[in-house]
Amino acid sequence: MIEIDSITIGSKTFQYIKIDLGKAPLILLKGPVGFVMCGYLDVGTSRKLGDVAVRVTGVNDLDSLISAKVENITEKAAEIGIKPGQIVSDILSYL
């Protein structure tokens, strides 16, 4: 199953995508400036492309993504003030 939704959080609108795969879903939350991705996606590629990207793991839905800790970030994410260890809900305003 593929779920695509437009979600407003605070003053920003995000695109939420969830794709059920093998043993876990692929989840992405894209904002106007950057995105949060699950463990299925690669931060290295996002770095090479110069994206503002944040990676979390162990998420199964939007609620768990928003409450997850940031595990890895790109340099562009660091430049705008995002740090590993922050909770996604606390960094959404950057994205």
Protein backbone atom coordinates (compact mmCIF):
# COMPACT_ATOMS: atom_id res chain seq x y z
CA MET A 1 0.00 0.00 0.00
CA ILE A 2 1.15 3.54 -0.77
CA GLU A 3 -0.06 6.48 1.31
CA ILE A 4 0.49 10.06 0.17
CA ASP A 5 -0.87 13.00 2.13
CA SER A 6 -0.41 16.73 2.52
CA ILE A 7 -0.09 17.68 6.19
CA THR A 8 0.08 21.11 7.80
CA ILE A 9 2.23 21.26 10.94
CA GLY A 10 2.54 24.71 12.46
CA SER A 11 2.71 27.15 9.56
CA LYS A 12 4.27 24.72 7.07
CA THR A 13 2.80 22.16 4.73
CA PHE A 14 4.60 18.84 4.36
CA GLN A 15 4.18 15.98 1.94
CA TYR A 16 3.99 12.64 3.76
CA ILE A 17 4.73 9.44 1.88
CA LYS A 18 4.54 5.93 3.31
CA ILE A 19 5.17 2.83 1.23
CA ASP A 20 4.70 -0.60 2.78
CA LEU A 21 7.70 -2.70 1.81
CA GLY A 22 9.07 -5.96 3.21
CA LYS A 23 9.38 -5.86 6.98
CA ALA A 24 9.12 -2.10 7.48
CA PRO A 25 7.65 0.87 5.62
CA LEU A 26 9.58 3.49 3.69
CA ILE A 27 8.60 6.86 5.18
CA LEU A 28 9.39 10.38 3.98
CA LEU A 29 8.23 13.77 5.26
CA LYS A 30 9.13 16.55 2.82
CA GLY A 31 8.94 20.22 3.75
CA PRO A 32 9.55 23.36 1.69
CA VAL A 33 13.31 23.35 2.47
CA GLY A 34 14.24 19.76 3.30
CA PHE A 35 13.04 16.36 4.38
CA VAL A 36 13.06 13.66 7.03
CA MET A 37 13.67 10.13 5.78
CA CYS A 38 13.55 6.70 7.32
CA GLY A 39 16.39 4.20 7.51
CA TYR A 40 15.62 2.79 4.05
CA LEU A 41 17.06 5.93 2.43
CA ASP A 42 20.72 6.96 2.22
CA VAL A 43 22.13 10.13 3.77
CA GLY A 44 25.26 9.78 1.62
CA THR A 45 23.32 10.35 -1.57
CA SER A 46 21.54 13.34 -0.01
CA ARG A 47 24.94 14.78 0.94
CA LYS A 48 26.25 14.42 -2.60
CA LEU A 49 23.18 16.18 -3.95
CA GLY A 50 23.43 19.02 -1.42
CA ASP A 51 20.01 18.39 0.15
CA VAL A 52 18.80 19.44 3.59
CA ALA A 53 18.10 15.92 4.85
CA VAL A 54 17.56 14.24 8.20
CA ARG A 55 17.54 10.48 8.81
CA VAL A 56 15.68 8.64 11.56
CA THR A 57 15.26 4.91 12.16
CA GLY A 58 12.71 2.65 13.79
CA VAL A 59 9.68 4.52 12.50
CA ASN A 60 6.45 2.96 11.26
CA ASP A 61 4.11 5.91 10.77
CA LEU A 62 3.86 9.70 10.94
CA ASP A 63 3.51 9.82 14.74
CA SER A 64 6.62 7.71 15.33
CA LEU A 65 8.55 9.77 12.74
CA ILE A 66 7.67 13.06 14.43
CA SER A 67 8.68 11.74 17.86
CA ALA A 68 11.91 10.08 16.64
CA LYS A 69 15.42 11.33 17.39
CA VAL A 70 17.49 12.62 14.51
CA GLU A 71 20.24 10.07 13.91
CA ASN A 72 22.08 11.46 10.91
CA ILE A 73 22.04 14.69 8.92
CA THR A 74 23.59 16.24 5.86
CA GLU A 75 25.97 19.17 6.02
CA LYS A 76 23.23 21.41 4.60
CA ALA A 77 20.96 20.40 7.50
CA ALA A 78 23.73 21.27 9.96
CA GLU A 79 24.19 24.67 8.29
CA ILE A 80 20.59 25.63 9.10
CA GLY A 81 20.89 24.53 12.74
CA ILE A 82 19.74 20.90 12.85
CA LYS A 83 21.74 18.56 15.10
CA PRO A 84 21.77 14.80 15.63
CA GLY A 85 19.87 13.84 18.79
CA GLN A 86 17.13 16.44 18.36
CA ILE A 87 13.52 15.28 18.20
CA VAL A 88 11.96 15.65 14.74
CA SER A 89 9.04 17.68 16.10
CA ASP A 90 11.60 20.25 17.32
CA ILE A 91 13.25 20.66 13.90
CA LEU A 92 10.21 20.78 11.61
CA SER A 93 10.33 24.59 11.54
CA TYR A 94 13.73 24.33 9.80
CA LEU A 95 12.37 22.15 7.04
